[in-house]
Protein backbone atom coordinates (compact mmCIF):
# COMPACT_ATOMS: atom_id res chain seq x y z
CA MET A 1 -14.73 -18.93 13.58
CA SER A 2 -13.17 -16.25 15.27
CA GLU A 3 -14.74 -12.58 15.13
CA ARG A 4 -14.06 -10.96 11.78
CA ILE A 5 -11.62 -7.95 12.11
CA VAL A 6 -9.09 -8.11 9.35
CA TYR A 7 -8.83 -5.49 6.25
CA GLU A 8 -7.36 -5.85 3.07
CA SER A 9 -6.37 -2.23 2.63
CA HIS A 10 -4.62 -2.53 -0.66
CA SER A 11 -6.34 -3.65 -3.62
CA HIS A 12 -7.42 -2.18 -7.42
CA THR A 13 -9.71 -1.87 -10.13
CA PRO A 14 -9.60 -3.01 -13.87
CA LEU A 15 -9.41 1.04 -14.28
CA CYS A 16 -6.18 1.53 -13.63
CA MET A 17 -5.57 -0.94 -16.80
CA HIS A 18 -3.11 -3.55 -15.26
CA ALA A 19 -5.38 -5.28 -12.67
CA ASP A 20 -8.23 -7.78 -13.33
CA GLY A 21 -11.48 -8.45 -12.00
CA MET A 22 -14.88 -6.06 -10.44
CA PRO A 23 -14.28 -5.03 -6.86
CA THR A 24 -17.22 -7.43 -6.00
CA GLU A 25 -14.95 -10.51 -6.81
CA TYR A 26 -12.16 -9.17 -4.40
CA ALA A 27 -14.88 -8.59 -1.77
CA ALA A 28 -15.46 -12.37 -2.24
CA VAL A 29 -12.12 -13.58 -1.31
CA ALA A 30 -12.64 -11.02 1.48
CA PHE A 31 -15.16 -12.78 2.82
CA ASP A 32 -13.58 -16.50 2.14
CA ARG A 33 -10.64 -15.27 4.09
CA GLY A 34 -13.05 -14.82 7.24
CA LEU A 35 -12.16 -10.59 6.73
CA ARG A 36 -14.01 -7.50 8.13
CA GLY A 37 -13.56 -5.22 5.06
CA LEU A 38 -11.99 -4.04 2.17
CA ILE A 39 -10.90 -0.94 1.03
CA VAL A 40 -10.40 -0.57 -2.47
CA THR A 41 -7.38 1.28 -3.33
CA CYS A 42 -7.15 2.23 -7.73
CA HIS A 43 -4.50 4.20 -8.31
CA ASN A 44 -5.40 7.93 -8.48
CA PRO A 45 -5.97 10.21 -11.57
CA MET A 46 -3.65 13.01 -12.57
CA PRO A 47 -3.23 15.28 -15.03
CA ASP A 48 -1.52 16.25 -18.06
CA GLY A 49 -0.77 12.48 -19.06
CA PHE A 50 1.02 12.10 -16.10
CA SER A 51 1.98 7.67 -15.83
CA ALA A 52 -1.21 7.63 -17.93
CA ARG A 53 -0.89 4.29 -18.82
CA VAL A 54 -1.45 2.59 -15.08
CA ARG A 55 -3.93 4.55 -13.78
CA MET A 56 -7.49 5.84 -14.48
CA ARG A 57 -7.97 8.72 -16.48
CA GLU A 58 -9.61 12.16 -14.75
CA ASP A 59 -12.36 11.73 -16.29
CA GLN A 60 -13.65 8.32 -14.93
CA PHE A 61 -12.58 9.31 -11.40
CA ASP A 62 -16.32 9.91 -10.62
CA GLU A 63 -16.93 5.81 -12.31
CA TYR A 64 -14.43 4.91 -9.73
CA VAL A 65 -16.36 6.44 -6.47
CA ASP A 66 -19.60 4.92 -8.07
CA LEU A 67 -18.38 1.06 -8.29
CA VAL A 68 -16.77 1.47 -4.86
CA GLU A 69 -20.20 2.32 -4.01
CA SER A 70 -22.46 -0.15 -5.65
CA THR A 71 -19.98 -2.87 -4.18
CA ARG A 72 -20.76 -1.44 -0.73
CA GLN A 73 -24.22 -1.82 -1.20
CA GLU A 74 -24.21 -5.27 -2.76
CA TRP A 75 -21.66 -6.44 0.48
CA ASP A 76 -23.29 -4.48 3.02
CA GLY A 77 -23.89 -6.90 6.23
CA ARG A 78 -21.09 -9.50 4.99
CA ILE A 79 -18.09 -7.10 3.95
CA ASP A 80 -17.46 -3.78 5.11
CA VAL A 81 -16.07 -2.23 0.98
CA ARG A 82 -14.95 1.32 1.65
CA LEU A 83 -13.16 4.11 -0.75
CA GLY A 84 -9.69 3.73 -0.84
CA LEU A 85 -6.98 6.16 -3.05
CA GLU A 86 -3.30 4.84 -4.22
CA ALA A 87 -1.63 8.56 -4.63
CA ASP A 88 1.19 8.89 -6.36
CA TYR A 89 3.93 11.55 -4.85
CA PHE A 90 5.77 13.68 -7.04
CA GLU A 91 7.36 16.83 -6.35
CA GLY A 92 5.16 19.45 -8.09
CA TYR A 93 2.02 17.71 -7.46
CA GLU A 94 1.02 17.92 -4.24
CA GLN A 95 -1.63 20.54 -4.57
CA TYR A 96 -3.19 18.54 -7.08
CA VAL A 97 -3.04 15.62 -4.94
CA GLU A 98 -4.79 18.10 -1.90
CA ASN A 99 -7.61 18.48 -4.30
CA GLN A 100 -8.39 15.40 -5.53
CA LEU A 101 -8.60 14.15 -2.14
CA GLN A 102 -11.21 16.59 -0.58
CA THR A 103 -13.35 15.74 -3.77
CA ALA A 104 -14.59 12.62 -2.36
CA ASP A 105 -14.86 10.54 1.10
CA PHE A 106 -11.82 8.53 1.06
CA HIS A 107 -11.38 6.08 4.02
CA PHE A 108 -8.01 5.31 3.87
CA VAL A 109 -5.68 7.04 1.65
CA LEU A 110 -2.04 5.13 0.68
CA GLY A 111 0.87 7.36 -0.60
CA SER A 112 3.32 5.82 -3.11
CA VAL A 113 6.54 6.40 -4.56
CA HIS A 114 6.64 4.79 -8.30
CA PRO A 115 10.34 4.13 -9.69
CA GLN A 116 9.41 2.33 -12.60
CA ILE A 117 7.53 5.56 -13.84
CA GLU A 118 8.97 7.13 -16.80
CA GLU A 119 8.41 10.56 -15.42
CA PHE A 120 10.79 9.25 -12.00
CA ARG A 121 13.28 7.54 -14.71
CA GLN A 122 13.33 11.24 -16.64
CA LYS A 123 14.23 13.35 -13.57
CA PHE A 124 15.90 11.13 -11.19
CA TRP A 125 17.54 7.84 -12.89
CA ASP A 126 21.24 7.50 -12.99
CA ALA A 127 23.98 5.02 -13.43
CA ASP A 128 24.79 4.73 -10.57
CA GLY A 129 21.90 2.64 -8.44
CA ARG A 130 22.75 3.60 -5.24
CA GLU A 131 22.01 7.20 -5.76
CA VAL A 132 18.97 6.35 -6.94
CA GLN A 133 18.21 4.61 -3.96
CA ARG A 134 19.06 7.41 -1.92
CA THR A 135 16.81 9.71 -3.92
CA TYR A 136 13.95 7.24 -3.93
CA PHE A 137 14.04 7.22 -0.16
CA ARG A 138 14.41 10.48 0.44
CA MET A 139 11.27 10.83 -1.47
CA LEU A 140 9.31 8.53 0.85
CA ALA A 141 9.92 10.76 3.76
CA GLN A 142 8.80 13.95 1.66
CA SER A 143 5.82 11.97 1.24
CA ALA A 144 4.93 11.49 4.21
CA GLU A 145 6.02 15.66 5.30
CA THR A 146 3.20 16.18 2.79
CA GLY A 147 0.82 15.16 5.43
CA LEU A 148 -1.35 14.20 2.34
CA PHE A 149 -1.14 10.71 3.32
CA ASP A 150 -2.17 8.24 5.96
CA SER A 151 0.22 5.21 5.41
CA ILE A 152 3.18 5.02 2.53
CA SER A 153 3.05 2.00 0.35
CA HIS A 154 5.68 -1.02 -0.47
CA PRO A 155 8.57 1.18 1.12
CA ASP A 156 11.28 -0.29 -0.44
CA LEU A 157 10.29 -0.96 -3.72
CA ILE A 158 13.30 0.87 -5.61
CA LYS A 159 15.12 -2.51 -4.52
CA ASN A 160 13.58 -4.71 -7.43
CA PHE A 161 14.66 -2.08 -9.98
CA THR A 162 18.36 -1.29 -8.78
CA ALA A 163 18.72 -5.30 -8.00
CA GLU A 164 21.95 -5.50 -9.18
CA GLN A 165 23.06 -2.92 -6.83
CA TRP A 166 21.07 -3.52 -3.62
CA ASP A 167 22.94 -3.54 -0.72
CA PRO A 168 20.51 -3.33 2.17
CA GLN A 169 23.57 -2.39 5.02
CA GLU A 170 24.91 -0.21 2.14
CA ILE A 171 21.74 2.13 1.60
CA MET A 172 20.65 1.58 5.32
CA PRO A 173 22.21 5.05 6.50
CA THR A 174 19.78 6.65 4.11
CA ILE A 175 16.95 4.33 4.87
CA CYS A 176 17.54 5.39 8.58
CA ASP A 177 17.32 8.97 7.88
CA ALA A 178 14.36 9.15 6.06
CA LEU A 179 12.75 6.87 8.97
CA ASP A 180 13.86 9.39 11.42
CA ARG A 181 11.15 12.08 8.84
CA ILE A 182 8.78 9.25 8.70
CA ALA A 183 8.48 8.57 12.26
CA ALA A 184 8.09 12.42 13.43
CA THR A 185 5.06 12.78 11.20
CA GLY A 186 3.14 9.90 12.74
CA VAL A 187 2.13 8.44 8.97
CA ALA A 188 1.96 4.95 8.72
CA MET A 189 4.50 2.91 6.46
CA GLU A 190 2.81 -0.79 4.76
CA LEU A 191 3.88 -4.00 4.77
CA ASN A 192 3.31 -4.85 1.07
CA THR A 193 2.85 -8.70 0.59
CA SER A 194 3.24 -8.63 -3.42
CA GLY A 195 6.68 -8.04 -2.78
CA VAL A 196 7.56 -12.36 -2.65
CA LEU A 197 6.19 -12.01 -6.31
CA LYS A 198 8.83 -9.21 -7.56
CA THR A 199 12.20 -9.64 -8.69
CA ILE A 200 13.73 -9.65 -4.91
CA SER A 201 11.21 -12.27 -3.58
CA GLU A 202 10.53 -10.49 0.28
CA MET A 203 8.33 -8.65 1.43
CA ASN A 204 8.13 -4.75 0.88
CA PRO A 205 10.11 -3.69 3.06
CA PHE A 206 12.85 -6.19 3.70
CA PRO A 207 13.23 -7.60 7.59
CA ASP A 208 15.67 -5.32 8.82
CA MET A 209 13.63 -2.20 7.64
CA LEU A 210 11.00 -3.70 9.65
CA ARG A 211 13.12 -3.82 13.05
CA GLU A 212 14.23 -0.14 11.96
CA MET A 213 10.58 0.80 11.86
CA ARG A 214 9.81 -0.60 15.21
CA GLN A 215 12.53 1.19 17.15
CA ARG A 216 10.87 4.33 15.49
CA ASN A 217 7.04 3.12 16.77
CA ILE A 218 5.71 4.19 13.19
CA PRO A 219 3.10 2.02 12.61
CA ILE A 220 2.03 -0.29 9.98
CA THR A 221 -0.58 -1.28 7.79
CA LEU A 222 -0.77 -4.36 5.69
CA GLY A 223 -1.83 -4.69 2.49
CA SER A 224 -1.73 -7.22 -0.24
CA ASP A 225 -1.37 -5.00 -3.48
CA ALA A 226 -3.96 -7.24 -5.10
CA HIS A 227 -4.53 -6.76 -8.85
CA THR A 228 -6.62 -10.04 -8.91
CA PRO A 229 -9.05 -11.35 -6.47
CA LEU A 230 -7.46 -14.12 -5.36
CA ARG A 231 -4.73 -11.96 -4.29
CA VAL A 232 -6.71 -10.49 -1.67
CA ALA A 233 -5.05 -11.10 1.65
CA ASP A 234 -2.45 -12.97 0.04
CA GLY A 235 0.40 -13.76 2.97
CA TYR A 236 -1.12 -12.24 5.28
CA GLU A 237 -0.49 -15.22 7.50
CA HIS A 238 3.39 -14.84 7.16
CA ALA A 239 3.18 -11.00 7.41
CA MET A 240 1.95 -10.71 10.64
CA LYS A 241 4.28 -13.63 11.76
CA LEU A 242 7.22 -11.62 10.24
CA LEU A 243 5.72 -8.39 12.05
CA GLN A 244 5.76 -10.17 15.20
CA GLN A 245 9.52 -11.45 14.71
CA CYS A 246 10.36 -7.84 14.60
CA GLY A 247 8.80 -6.60 17.23
CA TYR A 248 5.61 -5.87 16.56
CA GLN A 249 2.46 -7.17 18.31
CA THR A 250 -0.01 -4.92 16.70
CA VAL A 251 -1.40 -3.47 12.91
CA ASN A 252 -3.43 -1.16 11.71
CA TYR A 253 -5.91 -0.23 8.96
CA PHE A 254 -8.41 3.13 8.20
CA LEU A 255 -11.67 3.94 8.45
CA HIS A 256 -12.39 7.89 7.96
CA ARG A 257 -8.95 8.45 7.36
CA GLU A 258 -8.52 6.88 11.60
CA ARG A 259 -5.90 4.79 12.40
CA GLN A 260 -7.44 1.58 14.03
CA GLU A 261 -5.41 -0.82 15.73
CA ILE A 262 -6.03 -4.12 15.89
CA ALA A 263 -4.10 -7.34 17.96
CA ILE A 264 -1.53 -9.52 15.86
CA GLN A 265 -2.24 -12.90 17.13
CA ALA A 266 -6.35 -11.76 17.79
CA ALA A 267 -5.97 -11.27 13.62
CA LEU A 268 -3.84 -13.76 13.11
CA GLU A 269 -6.53 -16.44 14.69
CA SER A 270 -9.55 -14.44 12.94
CA LEU A 271 -8.00 -15.27 9.44
CA VAL A 272 -9.90 -18.37 7.68
CA SER A 273 -6.54 -20.73 5.81
CA GLN A 274 -5.63 -19.22 2.44
CA VAL A 275 -6.58 -21.83 -0.24
CA PRO A 276 -3.20 -22.27 -2.27
CA SER A 277 -2.30 -20.69 -5.45
CA ASP A 278 0.01 -19.29 -7.77
CA ALA A 279 -2.15 -15.98 -8.83
């Protein structure tokens, strides 16, 4: 087998209340898939009941950090388990998130805009789905401009909640404006393989958006958004071949909040074939 060089950069724990399996089970799948490491990125706590049904509570934060640390120790020498976080971007909560990120030694922080949560819907939803889409992409750019995040996750997620009004070419000028702003920050963006399981069955983001990202030299991180162990590195081979088709030659992961770059071809050669699963 080739040298292990690939990380799973987006995975969850039961603390978010919508994922199954402990991190050690995710690490076991990472080992079987030939990965070098697993970065655990569960949904961050937020104050005042913000989107409380899909994230750990504030009083569970230390439990989360300890859970990842115990898994790191258990798998030391086999799988490199690191502490990460998927942190929501929502205007008005920037200082809270900034303070939170200083409380633990995070290796990787994903920034997310979740248009499906109640807070987003109450503030931004509109009968005109395309206006909601424009708002979403503007918020992606704003999230990058905060400087809080290493990579912006599943960056066309809005299409799955406004599918009947999703027209990629119609929204592309707004997307390109957002990408110009994101490129100026140096923040990476994620190719999220879980998109194939959603309403519009394609990875997030869609290929034309990936090509626009490549034209702006926006670095790519890769994540399966695993909420069950069997989804660790799910679709990675297809994702990396898609990246090559869109002009990318490298993919990235973060350690100590610093970007690490690896060649896609070497990454592909290092993976162990995935066992077919409908997980």
